[in-house]
Amino acid sequence: MEDMKSIIRLEEMCVLATAADDIPHCSLMAYVSAEDCSRIHLITHKKTKKYSNFINNPSVSLLIDTRSSAPQGSRRNVKALTVNGTVAVVEDAATANVLRQEFITRHSHLREFAEDEDAVVVEVTIQSLQLLRGATDATYATIK
């Protein structure tokens, strides 16, 4: 489990998978995580396909991998973490503002995007994790 949490804390980008009418949709996203890695926070605009998808179906999956932090030429050691959970808009304005500032601190290049009036902070509550090390070594964990 610590390997999984380490990847969540270390990396900064993920692929968010949502679905509508059994049609999947993937989006490359910047994120920040809760210290205990039980939740992942993202920012999106309301006029996006992913937003529409998860409003209607809150079940999501994220893929976080270690390609960007692995030493060059060491593809054999890349790890891929699949995160399954549910997503919801952070409705409490004070909480959303704290999370938005945390997001901007980590991803300063996205400040204008994050501060746009159409941008909302969303929270993925993690339900399960699957870590793949190489092609066949997998570990699965559920979160209570």
Protein backbone atom coordinates (compact mmCIF):
# COMPACT_ATOMS: atom_id res chain seq x y z
CA MET A 1 0.00 0.00 0.00
CA GLU A 2 2.85 2.43 0.71
CA ASP A 3 4.14 1.96 -2.88
CA MET A 4 0.72 3.02 -4.12
CA LYS A 5 0.54 6.07 -1.86
CA SER A 6 4.06 7.04 -2.85
CA ILE A 7 3.08 7.14 -6.52
CA ILE A 8 0.00 9.25 -5.77
CA ARG A 9 2.11 11.73 -3.79
CA LEU A 10 5.05 11.86 -6.22
CA GLU A 11 3.31 12.18 -9.55
CA GLU A 12 1.35 15.22 -10.74
CA MET A 13 -0.65 14.00 -13.74
CA CYS A 14 -3.23 11.31 -14.34
CA VAL A 15 -5.63 10.11 -16.97
CA LEU A 16 -9.24 10.44 -15.82
CA ALA A 17 -11.68 7.97 -17.36
CA THR A 18 -15.38 8.78 -17.31
CA ALA A 19 -18.24 7.23 -19.27
CA ALA A 20 -21.61 8.15 -20.72
CA ASP A 21 -23.97 5.69 -22.39
CA ASP A 22 -21.26 3.00 -22.12
CA ILE A 23 -18.85 5.14 -24.14
CA PRO A 24 -15.58 5.84 -22.28
CA HIS A 25 -13.87 9.21 -22.34
CA CYS A 26 -10.30 9.90 -21.15
CA SER A 27 -8.82 13.22 -20.07
CA LEU A 28 -5.26 14.12 -19.08
CA MET A 29 -5.49 15.95 -15.75
CA ALA A 30 -3.27 17.61 -13.17
CA TYR A 31 -4.14 16.70 -9.59
CA VAL A 32 -3.32 17.08 -5.91
CA SER A 33 -3.97 14.44 -3.29
CA ALA A 34 -5.02 14.38 0.32
CA GLU A 35 -2.10 13.67 2.66
CA ASP A 36 -3.47 10.20 3.48
CA CYS A 37 -4.08 9.49 -0.24
CA SER A 38 -7.74 8.67 0.32
CA ARG A 39 -8.89 11.42 -2.04
CA ILE A 40 -7.59 13.05 -5.21
CA HIS A 41 -8.58 16.59 -6.19
CA LEU A 42 -8.89 17.86 -9.74
CA ILE A 43 -10.12 21.04 -11.37
CA THR A 44 -12.29 21.07 -14.46
CA HIS A 45 -14.62 23.41 -16.25
CA LYS A 46 -18.36 22.79 -16.18
CA LYS A 47 -18.68 22.89 -19.97
CA THR A 48 -16.60 19.77 -20.58
CA LYS A 49 -17.51 16.26 -21.61
CA LYS A 50 -15.87 14.80 -18.50
CA TYR A 51 -17.95 17.05 -16.24
CA SER A 52 -21.16 16.08 -17.98
CA ASN A 53 -20.16 12.42 -17.83
CA PHE A 54 -19.39 12.30 -14.12
CA ILE A 55 -22.41 14.35 -13.12
CA ASN A 56 -24.50 11.56 -14.66
CA ASN A 57 -22.19 8.69 -13.64
CA PRO A 58 -19.89 9.41 -10.68
CA SER A 59 -17.89 6.18 -11.08
CA VAL A 60 -14.45 7.05 -12.43
CA SER A 61 -11.04 5.53 -12.90
CA LEU A 62 -7.67 7.27 -12.89
CA LEU A 63 -4.38 6.02 -14.27
CA ILE A 64 -1.24 7.39 -12.66
CA ASP A 65 2.11 6.11 -13.92
CA THR A 66 5.77 6.72 -13.18
CA ARG A 67 7.03 7.42 -16.72
CA SER A 68 7.89 11.03 -15.90
CA SER A 69 9.81 10.22 -12.72
CA ALA A 70 11.57 7.04 -13.92
CA PRO A 71 15.20 7.39 -15.00
CA GLN A 72 15.56 7.73 -18.77
CA GLY A 73 15.77 4.39 -20.52
CA SER A 74 14.30 2.40 -17.63
CA ARG A 75 10.87 1.56 -19.06
CA ARG A 76 11.11 -1.86 -17.50
CA ASN A 77 10.71 -0.24 -14.07
CA VAL A 78 7.71 1.96 -14.88
CA LYS A 79 4.76 1.39 -12.56
CA ALA A 80 1.11 2.00 -13.39
CA LEU A 81 -1.48 2.65 -10.70
CA THR A 82 -5.19 2.31 -11.47
CA VAL A 83 -7.38 4.23 -9.03
CA ASN A 84 -11.10 3.49 -8.92
CA GLY A 85 -13.57 5.66 -7.06
CA THR A 86 -16.41 8.11 -7.17
CA VAL A 87 -16.23 11.79 -8.01
CA ALA A 88 -18.22 14.75 -6.71
CA VAL A 89 -17.98 18.52 -6.94
CA VAL A 90 -16.61 20.09 -3.76
CA GLU A 91 -19.63 22.19 -2.77
CA ASP A 92 -18.27 23.91 0.35
CA ALA A 93 -16.79 27.20 -0.91
CA ALA A 94 -14.15 27.48 1.82
CA THR A 95 -12.92 23.92 1.26
CA ALA A 96 -12.93 24.39 -2.51
CA ASN A 97 -10.88 27.57 -2.14
CA VAL A 98 -8.25 25.84 0.03
CA LEU A 99 -8.01 22.98 -2.48
CA ARG A 100 -7.84 25.42 -5.42
CA GLN A 101 -4.92 27.24 -3.78
CA GLU A 102 -3.16 23.93 -3.09
CA PHE A 103 -3.69 23.00 -6.75
CA ILE A 104 -2.30 26.35 -7.95
CA THR A 105 0.72 26.03 -5.66
CA ARG A 106 1.58 22.66 -7.20
CA HIS A 107 0.55 23.57 -10.76
CA SER A 108 1.29 27.29 -11.03
CA HIS A 109 1.17 27.13 -14.85
CA LEU A 110 -2.57 26.33 -14.53
CA ARG A 111 -3.44 29.35 -12.36
CA GLU A 112 -5.58 31.10 -14.99
CA PHE A 113 -7.43 27.85 -15.75
CA ALA A 114 -8.02 27.10 -12.05
CA GLU A 115 -9.22 30.61 -11.26
CA ASP A 116 -11.66 30.80 -14.17
CA GLU A 117 -15.26 31.38 -13.02
CA ASP A 118 -16.34 28.19 -14.83
CA ALA A 119 -13.75 26.03 -13.01
CA VAL A 120 -14.87 23.69 -10.24
CA VAL A 121 -12.88 21.62 -7.78
CA VAL A 122 -13.83 17.96 -7.76
CA GLU A 123 -12.92 15.20 -5.36
CA VAL A 124 -12.36 11.56 -6.21
CA THR A 125 -12.95 9.37 -3.17
CA ILE A 126 -10.74 6.35 -3.70
CA GLN A 127 -12.34 2.92 -3.35
CA SER A 128 -9.65 0.64 -4.76
CA LEU A 129 -6.13 0.67 -6.16
CA GLN A 130 -4.26 -1.69 -8.46
CA LEU A 131 -0.51 -1.31 -8.90
CA LEU A 132 1.18 -2.93 -11.88
CA ARG A 133 4.95 -3.34 -11.75
CA GLY A 134 6.12 -4.50 -15.16
CA ALA A 135 3.83 -6.63 -17.31
CA THR A 136 2.60 -9.18 -14.77
CA ASP A 137 3.29 -8.18 -11.15
CA ALA A 138 0.05 -6.70 -9.81
CA THR A 139 -1.10 -5.73 -6.31
CA TYR A 140 -4.70 -4.83 -5.44
CA ALA A 141 -6.00 -2.94 -2.41
CA THR A 142 -9.41 -1.69 -1.33
CA ILE A 143 -9.89 1.45 0.72
CA LYS A 144 -12.36 1.39 3.58
